[in-house]
Amino acid sequence: MASQSAASRRQQELQLQYTNYKNTLQQLAQKIGDIEQETEEYRLVLETLGPLPKDRTCFRLINGVLVERTVGDVVPALETTAEGLKTVLEGLVKDYKKKQNEMETWKSKNNVQVVSQ
């Protein structure tokens, strides 16, 4: 009887750990998707502003305030932000792959076989 409860407890612990891994991976994937979308928006804006004259007036939303600037003022700031987003994205992808490998190692170590994903 004690071995059944210990086995049952072990199974519950493994299920909990598996769920934690899956949730962590899902959260990382969500963050990656959000940053990819934001990066794409920055790319589109930079692509649109690229051919315009540097002294042309444009508007930028900064912390909820619409600010009037010139294209020459806005483009460098947008490029810097876009590069920062790319760096963050690379870090998140690296974290995702690391966590995925960690989960695969854990699954093989504990002989876990997933019935349905």
PDB file of N, CA and C in Angstrom:
ATOM      1  N   MET A   1       0.824  -1.197   0.000  1.00  0.00           N
ATOM      2  CA  MET A   1       0.000   0.000   0.000  1.00  0.00           C
ATOM      3  C   MET A   1       0.865   1.257   0.000  1.00  0.00           C
ATOM      4  N   ALA A   2       1.948   1.219   0.766  1.00  0.00           N
ATOM      5  CA  ALA A   2       2.829   2.373   0.850  1.00  0.00           C
ATOM      6  C   ALA A   2       3.536   2.612  -0.467  1.00  0.00           C
ATOM      7  N   SER A   3       3.865   1.515  -1.159  1.00  0.00           N
ATOM      8  CA  SER A   3       4.556   1.677  -2.446  1.00  0.00           C
ATOM      9  C   SER A   3       3.616   2.284  -3.491  1.00  0.00           C
ATOM     10  N   GLN A   4       2.319   1.966  -3.405  1.00  0.00           N
ATOM     11  CA  GLN A   4       1.362   2.555  -4.348  1.00  0.00           C
ATOM     12  C   GLN A   4       1.221   4.047  -4.120  1.00  0.00           C
ATOM     13  N   SER A   5       1.150   4.458  -2.865  1.00  0.00           N
ATOM     14  CA  SER A   5       1.016   5.888  -2.584  1.00  0.00           C
ATOM     15  C   SER A   5       2.296   6.626  -2.945  1.00  0.00           C
ATOM     16  N   ALA A   6       3.447   5.993  -2.738  1.00  0.00           N
ATOM     17  CA  ALA A   6       4.714   6.620  -3.117  1.00  0.00           C
ATOM     18  C   ALA A   6       4.799   6.750  -4.630  1.00  0.00           C
ATOM     19  N   ALA A   7       4.374   5.716  -5.342  1.00  0.00           N
ATOM     20  CA  ALA A   7       4.379   5.763  -6.813  1.00  0.00           C
ATOM     21  C   ALA A   7       3.400   6.821  -7.307  1.00  0.00           C
ATOM     22  N   SER A   8       2.262   6.885  -6.677  1.00  0.00           N
ATOM     23  CA  SER A   8       1.260   7.892  -7.058  1.00  0.00           C
ATOM     24  C   SER A   8       1.783   9.297  -6.791  1.00  0.00           C
ATOM     25  N   ARG A   9       2.436   9.483  -5.647  1.00  0.00           N
ATOM     26  CA  ARG A   9       3.001  10.786  -5.303  1.00  0.00           C
ATOM     27  C   ARG A   9       4.101  11.164  -6.302  1.00  0.00           C
ATOM     28  N   ARG A  10       4.924  10.178  -6.663  1.00  0.00           N
ATOM     29  CA  ARG A  10       5.999  10.409  -7.638  1.00  0.00           C
ATOM     30  C   ARG A  10       5.415  10.813  -8.988  1.00  0.00           C
ATOM     31  N   GLN A  11       4.338  10.135  -9.386  1.00  0.00           N
ATOM     32  CA  GLN A  11       3.690  10.462 -10.659  1.00  0.00           C
ATOM     33  C   GLN A  11       3.132  11.884 -10.631  1.00  0.00           C
ATOM     34  N   GLN A  12       2.535  12.275  -9.531  1.00  0.00           N
ATOM     35  CA  GLN A  12       1.998  13.631  -9.400  1.00  0.00           C
ATOM     36  C   GLN A  12       3.116  14.669  -9.461  1.00  0.00           C
ATOM     37  N   GLU A  13       4.236  14.372  -8.811  1.00  0.00           N
ATOM     38  CA  GLU A  13       5.380  15.297  -8.848  1.00  0.00           C
ATOM     39  C   GLU A  13       5.909  15.450 -10.267  1.00  0.00           C
ATOM     40  N   LEU A  14       6.006  14.338 -10.986  1.00  0.00           N
ATOM     41  CA  LEU A  14       6.468  14.394 -12.375  1.00  0.00           C
ATOM     42  C   LEU A  14       5.501  15.180 -13.249  1.00  0.00           C
ATOM     43  N   GLN A  15       4.212  14.969 -13.039  1.00  0.00           N
ATOM     44  CA  GLN A  15       3.212  15.718 -13.813  1.00  0.00           C
ATOM     45  C   GLN A  15       3.313  17.209 -13.522  1.00  0.00           C
ATOM     46  N   LEU A  16       3.523  17.551 -12.265  1.00  0.00           N
ATOM     47  CA  LEU A  16       3.653  18.958 -11.885  1.00  0.00           C
ATOM     48  C   LEU A  16       4.892  19.573 -12.522  1.00  0.00           C
ATOM     49  N   GLN A  17       6.013  18.865 -12.485  1.00  0.00           N
ATOM     50  CA  GLN A  17       7.236  19.365 -13.104  1.00  0.00           C
ATOM     51  C   GLN A  17       7.051  19.522 -14.605  1.00  0.00           C
ATOM     52  N   TYR A  18       6.405  18.546 -15.237  1.00  0.00           N
ATOM     53  CA  TYR A  18       6.154  18.615 -16.683  1.00  0.00           C
ATOM     54  C   TYR A  18       5.284  19.826 -17.013  1.00  0.00           C
ATOM     55  N   THR A  19       4.249  20.039 -16.225  1.00  0.00           N
ATOM     56  CA  THR A  19       3.360  21.188 -16.428  1.00  0.00           C
ATOM     57  C   THR A  19       4.121  22.496 -16.268  1.00  0.00           C
ATOM     58  N   ASN A  20       5.007  22.554 -15.288  1.00  0.00           N
ATOM     59  CA  ASN A  20       5.817  23.760 -15.086  1.00  0.00           C
ATOM     60  C   ASN A  20       6.708  24.032 -16.295  1.00  0.00           C
ATOM     61  N   TYR A  21       7.347  22.974 -16.806  1.00  0.00           N
ATOM     62  CA  TYR A  21       8.181  23.136 -18.002  1.00  0.00           C
ATOM     63  C   TYR A  21       7.348  23.639 -19.183  1.00  0.00           C
ATOM     64  N   LYS A  22       6.192  23.019 -19.395  1.00  0.00           N
ATOM     65  CA  LYS A  22       5.345  23.417 -20.525  1.00  0.00           C
ATOM     66  C   LYS A  22       4.868  24.865 -20.380  1.00  0.00           C
ATOM     67  N   ASN A  23       4.485  25.261 -19.179  1.00  0.00           N
ATOM     68  CA  ASN A  23       4.035  26.635 -18.952  1.00  0.00           C
ATOM     69  C   ASN A  23       5.162  27.637 -19.191  1.00  0.00           C
ATOM     70  N   THR A  24       6.349  27.309 -18.713  1.00  0.00           N
ATOM     71  CA  THR A  24       7.497  28.191 -18.917  1.00  0.00           C
ATOM     72  C   THR A  24       7.794  28.351 -20.400  1.00  0.00           C
ATOM     73  N   LEU A  25       7.782  27.238 -21.130  1.00  0.00           N
ATOM     74  CA  LEU A  25       8.028  27.298 -22.571  1.00  0.00           C
ATOM     75  C   LEU A  25       6.939  28.105 -23.285  1.00  0.00           C
ATOM     76  N   GLN A  26       5.706  27.936 -22.858  1.00  0.00           N
ATOM     77  CA  GLN A  26       4.601  28.680 -23.472  1.00  0.00           C
ATOM     78  C   GLN A  26       4.742  30.181 -23.202  1.00  0.00           C
ATOM     79  N   GLN A  27       5.129  30.554 -22.001  1.00  0.00           N
ATOM     80  CA  GLN A  27       5.323  31.969 -21.677  1.00  0.00           C
ATOM     81  C   GLN A  27       6.456  32.568 -22.496  1.00  0.00           C
ATOM     82  N   LEU A  28       7.550  31.825 -22.629  1.00  0.00           N
ATOM     83  CA  LEU A  28       8.666  32.310 -23.440  1.00  0.00           C
ATOM     84  C   LEU A  28       8.247  32.461 -24.900  1.00  0.00           C
ATOM     85  N   ALA A  29       7.489  31.499 -25.406  1.00  0.00           N
ATOM     86  CA  ALA A  29       7.022  31.581 -26.793  1.00  0.00           C
ATOM     87  C   ALA A  29       6.115  32.796 -26.986  1.00  0.00           C
ATOM     88  N   GLN A  30       5.284  33.094 -26.005  1.00  0.00           N
ATOM     89  CA  GLN A  30       4.406  34.262 -26.081  1.00  0.00           C
ATOM     90  C   GLN A  30       5.223  35.549 -26.115  1.00  0.00           C
ATOM     91  N   LYS A  31       6.229  35.636 -25.259  1.00  0.00           N
ATOM     92  CA  LYS A  31       7.093  36.823 -25.240  1.00  0.00           C
ATOM     93  C   LYS A  31       7.832  36.972 -26.562  1.00  0.00           C
ATOM     94  N   ILE A  32       8.326  35.859 -27.089  1.00  0.00           N
ATOM     95  CA  ILE A  32       9.027  35.885 -28.372  1.00  0.00           C
ATOM     96  C   ILE A  32       8.099  36.390 -29.466  1.00  0.00           C
ATOM     97  N   GLY A  33       6.868  35.911 -29.477  1.00  0.00           N
ATOM     98  CA  GLY A  33       5.885  36.351 -30.469  1.00  0.00           C
ATOM     99  C   GLY A  33       5.589  37.842 -30.357  1.00  0.00           C
ATOM    100  N   ASP A  34       5.435  38.322 -29.132  1.00  0.00           N
ATOM    101  CA  ASP A  34       5.163  39.745 -28.914  1.00  0.00           C
ATOM    102  C   ASP A  34       6.312  40.612 -29.425  1.00  0.00           C
ATOM    103  N   ILE A  35       7.527  40.209 -29.106  1.00  0.00           N
ATOM    104  CA  ILE A  35       8.689  41.006 -29.514  1.00  0.00           C
ATOM    105  C   ILE A  35       8.902  40.920 -31.019  1.00  0.00           C
ATOM    106  N   GLU A  36       8.633  39.757 -31.616  1.00  0.00           N
ATOM    107  CA  GLU A  36       8.723  39.645 -33.076  1.00  0.00           C
ATOM    108  C   GLU A  36       7.736  40.596 -33.750  1.00  0.00           C
ATOM    109  N   GLN A  37       6.537  40.673 -33.204  1.00  0.00           N
ATOM    110  CA  GLN A  37       5.516  41.566 -33.765  1.00  0.00           C
ATOM    111  C   GLN A  37       5.959  43.024 -33.627  1.00  0.00           C
ATOM    112  N   GLU A  38       6.476  43.384 -32.483  1.00  0.00           N
ATOM    113  CA  GLU A  38       6.923  44.752 -32.267  1.00  0.00           C
ATOM    114  C   GLU A  38       8.105  45.099 -33.175  1.00  0.00           C
ATOM    115  N   THR A  39       9.007  44.147 -33.355  1.00  0.00           N
ATOM    116  CA  THR A  39      10.151  44.342 -34.243  1.00  0.00           C
ATOM    117  C   THR A  39       9.677  44.571 -35.677  1.00  0.00           C
ATOM    118  N   GLU A  40       8.684  43.803 -36.083  1.00  0.00           N
ATOM    119  CA  GLU A  40       8.122  43.962 -37.434  1.00  0.00           C
ATOM    120  C   GLU A  40       7.488  45.343 -37.600  1.00  0.00           C
ATOM    121  N   GLU A  41       6.807  45.829 -36.575  1.00  0.00           N
ATOM    122  CA  GLU A  41       6.211  47.168 -36.636  1.00  0.00           C
ATOM    123  C   GLU A  41       7.300  48.234 -36.793  1.00  0.00           C
ATOM    124  N   TYR A  42       8.370  48.110 -36.035  1.00  0.00           N
ATOM    125  CA  TYR A  42       9.479  49.061 -36.157  1.00  0.00           C
ATOM    126  C   TYR A  42      10.087  49.009 -37.550  1.00  0.00           C
ATOM    127  N   ARG A  43      10.231  47.785 -38.087  1.00  0.00           N
ATOM    128  CA  ARG A  43      10.798  47.637 -39.431  1.00  0.00           C
ATOM    129  C   ARG A  43       9.918  48.338 -40.467  1.00  0.00           C
ATOM    130  N   LEU A  44       8.603  48.177 -40.343  1.00  0.00           N
ATOM    131  CA  LEU A  44       7.683  48.820 -41.279  1.00  0.00           C
ATOM    132  C   LEU A  44       7.757  50.347 -41.185  1.00  0.00           C
ATOM    133  N   VAL A  45       7.837  50.865 -39.980  1.00  0.00           N
ATOM    134  CA  VAL A  45       7.925  52.318 -39.799  1.00  0.00           C
ATOM    135  C   VAL A  45       9.233  52.837 -40.386  1.00  0.00           C
ATOM    136  N   LEU A  46      10.332  52.151 -40.101  1.00  0.00           N
ATOM    137  CA  LEU A  46      11.626  52.580 -40.647  1.00  0.00           C
ATOM    138  C   LEU A  46      11.645  52.495 -42.169  1.00  0.00           C
ATOM    139  N   GLU A  47      11.006  51.468 -42.705  1.00  0.00           N
ATOM    140  CA  GLU A  47      10.916  51.313 -44.156  1.00  0.00           C
ATOM    141  C   GLU A  47      10.105  52.454 -44.773  1.00  0.00           C
ATOM    142  N   THR A  48       9.062  52.870 -44.084  1.00  0.00           N
ATOM    143  CA  THR A  48       8.211  53.961 -44.565  1.00  0.00           C
ATOM    144  C   THR A  48       8.936  55.297 -44.479  1.00  0.00           C
ATOM    145  N   LEU A  49       9.669  55.523 -43.393  1.00  0.00           N
ATOM    146  CA  LEU A  49      10.350  56.800 -43.195  1.00  0.00           C
ATOM    147  C   LEU A  49      11.646  56.911 -43.998  1.00  0.00           C
ATOM    148  N   GLY A  50      12.202  55.790 -44.410  1.00  0.00           N
ATOM    149  CA  GLY A  50      13.478  55.779 -45.111  1.00  0.00           C
ATOM    150  C   GLY A  50      13.591  56.733 -46.289  1.00  0.00           C
ATOM    151  N   PRO A  51      12.677  56.689 -47.258  1.00  0.00           N
ATOM    152  CA  PRO A  51      12.821  57.544 -48.441  1.00  0.00           C
ATOM    153  C   PRO A  51      12.415  59.017 -48.222  1.00  0.00           C
ATOM    154  N   LEU A  52      11.869  59.340 -47.068  1.00  0.00           N
ATOM    155  CA  LEU A  52      11.396  60.706 -46.835  1.00  0.00           C
ATOM    156  C   LEU A  52      12.559  61.647 -46.528  1.00  0.00           C
ATOM    157  N   PRO A  53      12.383  62.937 -46.857  1.00  0.00           N
ATOM    158  CA  PRO A  53      13.421  63.921 -46.529  1.00  0.00           C
ATOM    159  C   PRO A  53      13.603  64.022 -45.006  1.00  0.00           C
ATOM    160  N   LYS A  54      14.841  64.262 -44.579  1.00  0.00           N
ATOM    161  CA  LYS A  54      15.156  64.293 -43.145  1.00  0.00           C
ATOM    162  C   LYS A  54      14.513  65.461 -42.406  1.00  0.00           C
ATOM    163  N   ASP A  55      14.161  66.515 -43.133  1.00  0.00           N
ATOM    164  CA  ASP A  55      13.563  67.681 -42.468  1.00  0.00           C
ATOM    165  C   ASP A  55      12.035  67.634 -42.463  1.00  0.00           C
ATOM    166  N   ARG A  56      11.465  66.584 -42.974  1.00  0.00           N
ATOM    167  CA  ARG A  56      10.006  66.465 -42.999  1.00  0.00           C
ATOM    168  C   ARG A  56       9.471  66.215 -41.587  1.00  0.00           C
ATOM    169  N   THR A  57       8.355  66.835 -41.279  1.00  0.00           N
ATOM    170  CA  THR A  57       7.731  66.685 -39.972  1.00  0.00           C
ATOM    171  C   THR A  57       7.066  65.319 -39.861  1.00  0.00           C
ATOM    172  N   CYS A  58       7.230  64.712 -38.705  1.00  0.00           N
ATOM    173  CA  CYS A  58       6.517  63.468 -38.416  1.00  0.00           C
ATOM    174  C   CYS A  58       6.124  63.487 -36.941  1.00  0.00           C
ATOM    175  N   PHE A  59       5.301  62.556 -36.568  1.00  0.00           N
ATOM    176  CA  PHE A  59       4.816  62.493 -35.195  1.00  0.00           C
ATOM    177  C   PHE A  59       5.185  61.145 -34.601  1.00  0.00           C
ATOM    178  N   ARG A  60       5.520  61.175 -33.314  1.00  0.00           N
ATOM    179  CA  ARG A  60       5.887  59.950 -32.613  1.00  0.00           C
ATOM    180  C   ARG A  60       5.191  59.927 -31.270  1.00  0.00           C
ATOM    181  N   LEU A  61       4.664  58.774 -30.928  1.00  0.00           N
ATOM    182  CA  LEU A  61       3.998  58.594 -29.645  1.00  0.00           C
ATOM    183  C   LEU A  61       5.026  58.139 -28.619  1.00  0.00           C
ATOM    184  N   ILE A  62       5.263  58.977 -27.611  1.00  0.00           N
ATOM    185  CA  ILE A  62       6.234  58.659 -26.561  1.00  0.00           C
ATOM    186  C   ILE A  62       5.505  58.689 -25.224  1.00  0.00           C
ATOM    187  N   ASN A  63       5.423  57.527 -24.594  1.00  0.00           N
ATOM    188  CA  ASN A  63       4.734  57.406 -23.294  1.00  0.00           C
ATOM    189  C   ASN A  63       3.339  58.015 -23.322  1.00  0.00           C
ATOM    190  N   GLY A  64       2.606  57.767 -24.390  1.00  0.00           N
ATOM    191  CA  GLY A  64       1.229  58.237 -24.492  1.00  0.00           C
ATOM    192  C   GLY A  64       1.091  59.685 -24.928  1.00  0.00           C
ATOM    193  N   VAL A  65       2.195  60.352 -25.242  1.00  0.00           N
ATOM    194  CA  VAL A  65       2.160  61.751 -25.672  1.00  0.00           C
ATOM    195  C   VAL A  65       2.610  61.818 -27.131  1.00  0.00           C
ATOM    196  N   LEU A  66       1.798  62.415 -27.969  1.00  0.00           N
ATOM    197  CA  LEU A  66       2.135  62.564 -29.376  1.00  0.00           C
ATOM    198  C   LEU A  66       3.055  63.777 -29.525  1.00  0.00           C
ATOM    199  N   VAL A  67       4.266  63.522 -30.045  1.00  0.00           N
ATOM    200  CA  VAL A  67       5.299  64.543 -30.123  1.00  0.00           C
ATOM    201  C   VAL A  67       5.620  64.816 -31.582  1.00  0.00           C
ATOM    202  N   GLU A  68       5.754  66.108 -31.928  1.00  0.00           N
ATOM    203  CA  GLU A  68       6.112  66.490 -33.294  1.00  0.00           C
ATOM    204  C   GLU A  68       7.629  66.579 -33.396  1.00  0.00           C
ATOM    205  N   ARG A  69       8.185  65.854 -34.345  1.00  0.00           N
ATOM    206  CA  ARG A  69       9.627  65.828 -34.585  1.00  0.00           C
ATOM    207  C   ARG A  69       9.869  65.823 -36.087  1.00  0.00           C
ATOM    208  N   THR A  70      11.148  65.749 -36.457  1.00  0.00           N
ATOM    209  CA  THR A  70      11.478  65.585 -37.866  1.00  0.00           C
ATOM    210  C   THR A  70      11.904  64.135 -38.090  1.00  0.00           C
ATOM    211  N   VAL A  71      11.850  63.709 -39.341  1.00  0.00           N
ATOM    212  CA  VAL A  71      12.249  62.345 -39.682  1.00  0.00           C
ATOM    213  C   VAL A  71      13.699  62.107 -39.249  1.00  0.00           C
ATOM    214  N   GLY A  72      14.544  63.109 -39.439  1.00  0.00           N
ATOM    215  CA  GLY A  72      15.950  62.991 -39.052  1.00  0.00           C
ATOM    216  C   GLY A  72      16.146  62.763 -37.564  1.00  0.00           C
ATOM    217  N   ASP A  73      15.236  63.295 -36.730  1.00  0.00           N
ATOM    218  CA  ASP A  73      15.325  63.093 -35.284  1.00  0.00           C
ATOM    219  C   ASP A  73      14.791  61.718 -34.867  1.00  0.00           C
ATOM    220  N   VAL A  74      13.760  61.268 -35.557  1.00  0.00           N
ATOM    221  CA  VAL A  74      13.051  60.060 -35.144  1.00  0.00           C
ATOM    222  C   VAL A  74      13.754  58.782 -35.598  1.00  0.00           C
ATOM    223  N   VAL A  75      14.273  58.771 -36.808  1.00  0.00           N
ATOM    224  CA  VAL A  75      14.839  57.540 -37.373  1.00  0.00           C
ATOM    225  C   VAL A  75      15.968  56.957 -36.514  1.00  0.00           C
ATOM    226  N   PRO A  76      16.938  57.732 -36.050  1.00  0.00           N
ATOM    227  CA  PRO A  76      17.992  57.126 -35.211  1.00  0.00           C
ATOM    228  C   PRO A  76      17.447  56.495 -33.926  1.00  0.00           C
ATOM    229  N   ALA A  77      16.482  57.151 -33.311  1.00  0.00           N
ATOM    230  CA  ALA A  77      15.889  56.596 -32.093  1.00  0.00           C
ATOM    231  C   ALA A  77      15.159  55.294 -32.389  1.00  0.00           C
ATOM    232  N   LEU A  78      14.447  55.248 -33.507  1.00  0.00           N
ATOM    233  CA  LEU A  78      13.742  54.025 -33.884  1.00  0.00           C
ATOM    234  C   LEU A  78      14.719  52.893 -34.201  1.00  0.00           C
ATOM    235  N   GLU A  79      15.807  53.232 -34.867  1.00  0.00           N
ATOM    236  CA  GLU A  79      16.815  52.214 -35.192  1.00  0.00           C
ATOM    237  C   GLU A  79      17.443  51.641 -33.926  1.00  0.00           C
ATOM    238  N   THR A  80      17.726  52.509 -32.965  1.00  0.00           N
ATOM    239  CA  THR A  80      18.298  52.055 -31.697  1.00  0.00           C
ATOM    240  C   THR A  80      17.333  51.119 -30.975  1.00  0.00           C
ATOM    241  N   THR A  81      16.073  51.498 -30.934  1.00  0.00           N
ATOM    242  CA  THR A  81      15.067  50.668 -30.273  1.00  0.00           C
ATOM    243  C   THR A  81      14.905  49.335 -30.997  1.00  0.00           C
ATOM    244  N   ALA A  82      14.895  49.361 -32.326  1.00  0.00           N
ATOM    245  CA  ALA A  82      14.755  48.128 -33.105  1.00  0.00           C
ATOM    246  C   ALA A  82      15.939  47.193 -32.848  1.00  0.00           C
ATOM    247  N   GLU A  83      17.146  47.738 -32.760  1.00  0.00           N
ATOM    248  CA  GLU A  83      18.321  46.913 -32.471  1.00  0.00           C
ATOM    249  C   GLU A  83      18.225  46.308 -31.064  1.00  0.00           C
ATOM    250  N   GLY A  84      17.739  47.100 -30.119  1.00  0.00           N
ATOM    251  CA  GLY A  84      17.554  46.590 -28.762  1.00  0.00           C
ATOM    252  C   GLY A  84      16.549  45.449 -28.727  1.00  0.00           C
ATOM    253  N   LEU A  85      15.473  45.576 -29.492  1.00  0.00           N
ATOM    254  CA  LEU A  85      14.469  44.517 -29.559  1.00  0.00           C
ATOM    255  C   LEU A  85      15.063  43.247 -30.168  1.00  0.00           C
ATOM    256  N   LYS A  86      15.909  43.403 -31.182  1.00  0.00           N
ATOM    257  CA  LYS A  86      16.542  42.230 -31.796  1.00  0.00           C
ATOM    258  C   LYS A  86      17.433  41.513 -30.789  1.00  0.00           C
ATOM    259  N   THR A  87      18.155  42.289 -29.980  1.00  0.00           N
ATOM    260  CA  THR A  87      19.027  41.705 -28.963  1.00  0.00           C
ATOM    261  C   THR A  87      18.205  40.936 -27.924  1.00  0.00           C
ATOM    262  N   VAL A  88      17.112  41.540 -27.480  1.00  0.00           N
ATOM    263  CA  VAL A  88      16.238  40.882 -26.505  1.00  0.00           C
ATOM    264  C   VAL A  88      15.641  39.615 -27.114  1.00  0.00           C
ATOM    265  N   LEU A  89      15.239  39.696 -28.371  1.00  0.00           N
ATOM    266  CA  LEU A  89      14.659  38.546 -29.055  1.00  0.00           C
ATOM    267  C   LEU A  89      15.656  37.392 -29.132  1.00  0.00           C
ATOM    268  N   GLU A  90      16.895  37.703 -29.475  1.00  0.00           N
ATOM    269  CA  GLU A  90      17.929  36.658 -29.540  1.00  0.00           C
ATOM    270  C   GLU A  90      18.124  36.001 -28.176  1.00  0.00           C
ATOM    271  N   GLY A  91      18.111  36.807 -27.125  1.00  0.00           N
ATOM    272  CA  GLY A  91      18.249  36.270 -25.771  1.00  0.00           C
ATOM    273  C   GLY A  91      17.090  35.364 -25.389  1.00  0.00           C
ATOM    274  N   LEU A  92      15.871  35.775 -25.748  1.00  0.00           N
ATOM    275  CA  LEU A  92      14.705  34.953 -25.430  1.00  0.00           C
ATOM    276  C   LEU A  92      14.706  33.643 -26.203  1.00  0.00           C
ATOM    277  N   VAL A  93      15.112  33.690 -27.464  1.00  0.00           N
ATOM    278  CA  VAL A  93      15.189  32.462 -28.262  1.00  0.00           C
ATOM    279  C   VAL A  93      16.228  31.515 -27.653  1.00  0.00           C
ATOM    280  N   LYS A  94      17.338  32.085 -27.218  1.00  0.00           N
ATOM    281  CA  LYS A  94      18.381  31.276 -26.571  1.00  0.00           C
ATOM    282  C   LYS A  94      17.836  30.649 -25.284  1.00  0.00           C
ATOM    283  N   ASP A  95      17.104  31.433 -24.474  1.00  0.00           N
ATOM    284  CA  ASP A  95      16.498  30.918 -23.245  1.00  0.00           C
ATOM    285  C   ASP A  95      15.494  29.812 -23.548  1.00  0.00           C
ATOM    286  N   TYR A  96      14.703  30.007 -24.611  1.00  0.00           N
ATOM    287  CA  TYR A  96      13.696  29.017 -24.997  1.00  0.00           C
ATOM    288  C   TYR A  96      14.369  27.694 -25.356  1.00  0.00           C
ATOM    289  N   LYS A  97      15.399  27.772 -26.189  1.00  0.00           N
ATOM    290  CA  LYS A  97      16.102  26.548 -26.599  1.00  0.00           C
ATOM    291  C   LYS A  97      16.755  25.863 -25.401  1.00  0.00           C
ATOM    292  N   LYS A  98      17.325  26.661 -24.505  1.00  0.00           N
ATOM    293  CA  LYS A  98      17.963  26.108 -23.307  1.00  0.00           C
ATOM    294  C   LYS A  98      16.932  25.389 -22.448  1.00  0.00           C
ATOM    295  N   LYS A  99      15.777  26.013 -22.243  1.00  0.00           N
ATOM    296  CA  LYS A  99      14.729  25.418 -21.422  1.00  0.00           C
ATOM    297  C   LYS A  99      14.167  24.166 -22.094  1.00  0.00           C
ATOM    298  N   GLN A 100      14.052  24.210 -23.425  1.00  0.00           N
ATOM    299  CA  GLN A 100      13.552  23.050 -24.159  1.00  0.00           C
ATOM    300  C   GLN A 100      14.523  21.871 -24.021  1.00  0.00           C
ATOM    301  N   ASN A 101      15.822  22.154 -24.142  1.00  0.00           N
ATOM    302  CA  ASN A 101      16.824  21.098 -23.957  1.00  0.00           C
ATOM    303  C   ASN A 101      16.809  20.564 -22.528  1.00  0.00           C
ATOM    304  N   GLU A 102      16.632  21.472 -21.585  1.00  0.00           N
ATOM    305  CA  GLU A 102      16.546  21.080 -20.176  1.00  0.00           C
ATOM    306  C   GLU A 102      15.356  20.148 -19.960  1.00  0.00           C
ATOM    307  N   MET A 103      14.240  20.466 -20.591  1.00  0.00           N
ATOM    308  CA  MET A 103      13.036  19.638 -20.458  1.00  0.00           C
ATOM    309  C   MET A 103      13.260  18.262 -21.093  1.00  0.00           C
ATOM    310  N   GLU A 104      13.891  18.221 -22.251  1.00  0.00           N
ATOM    311  CA  GLU A 104      14.163  16.945 -22.912  1.00  0.00           C
ATOM    312  C   GLU A 104      15.099  16.083 -22.062  1.00  0.00           C
ATOM    313  N   THR A 105      16.102  16.711 -21.468  1.00  0.00           N
ATOM    314  CA  THR A 105      17.017  15.987 -20.582  1.00  0.00           C
ATOM    315  C   THR A 105      16.262  15.443 -19.377  1.00  0.00           C
ATOM    316  N   TRP A 106      15.388  16.269 -18.803  1.00  0.00           N
ATOM    317  CA  TRP A 106      14.589  15.860 -17.652  1.00  0.00           C
ATOM    318  C   TRP A 106      13.680  14.688 -18.021  1.00  0.00           C
ATOM    319  N   LYS A 107      13.066  14.769 -19.221  1.00  0.00           N
ATOM    320  CA  LYS A 107      12.174  13.694 -19.652  1.00  0.00           C
ATOM    321  C   LYS A 107      12.922  12.377 -19.815  1.00  0.00           C
ATOM    322  N   SER A 108      14.099  12.417 -20.411  1.00  0.00           N
ATOM    323  CA  SER A 108      14.852  11.179 -20.603  1.00  0.00           C
ATOM    324  C   SER A 108      15.401  10.658 -19.270  1.00  0.00           C
ATOM    325  N   LYS A 109      15.806  11.574 -18.391  1.00  0.00           N
ATOM    326  CA  LYS A 109      16.332  11.168 -17.080  1.00  0.00           C
ATOM    327  C   LYS A 109      15.261  10.470 -16.240  1.00  0.00           C
ATOM    328  N   ASN A 110      14.043  11.009 -16.307  1.00  0.00           N
ATOM    329  CA  ASN A 110      12.948  10.456 -15.502  1.00  0.00           C
ATOM    330  C   ASN A 110      12.090   9.464 -16.273  1.00  0.00           C
ATOM    331  N   ASN A 111      12.522   9.121 -17.473  1.00  0.00           N
ATOM    332  CA  ASN A 111      11.803   8.177 -18.310  1.00  0.00           C
ATOM    333  C   ASN A 111      10.337   8.592 -18.505  1.00  0.00           C
ATOM    334  N   VAL A 112      10.126   9.853 -18.819  1.00  0.00           N
ATOM    335  CA  VAL A 112       8.793  10.401 -19.017  1.00  0.00           C
ATOM    336  C   VAL A 112       8.432  10.289 -20.487  1.00  0.00           C
ATOM    337  N   GLN A 113       7.272   9.708 -20.740  1.00  0.00           N
ATOM    338  CA  GLN A 113       6.759   9.627 -22.106  1.00  0.00           C
ATOM    339  C   GLN A 113       5.427  10.331 -22.141  1.00  0.00           C
ATOM    340  N   VAL A 114       5.305  11.295 -23.052  1.00  0.00           N
ATOM    341  CA  VAL A 114       4.085  12.087 -23.130  1.00  0.00           C
ATOM    342  C   VAL A 114       3.098  11.369 -24.030  1.00  0.00           C
ATOM    343  N   VAL A 115       1.900  11.162 -23.517  1.00  0.00           N
ATOM    344  CA  VAL A 115       0.864  10.460 -24.269  1.00  0.00           C
ATOM    345  C   VAL A 115       0.240  11.391 -25.291  1.00  0.00           C
ATOM    346  N   SER A 116      -0.131  12.606 -24.847  1.00  0.00           N
ATOM    347  CA  SER A 116      -0.710  13.588 -25.764  1.00  0.00           C
ATOM    348  C   SER A 116      -0.111  14.943 -25.461  1.00  0.00           C
ATOM    349  N   GLN A 117       0.190  15.680 -26.537  1.00  0.00           N
ATOM    350  CA  GLN A 117       0.807  17.003 -26.338  1.00  0.00           C
ATOM    351  C   GLN A 117      -0.128  18.074 -26.771  1.00  0.00           C
TER     352      GLN A 117
END
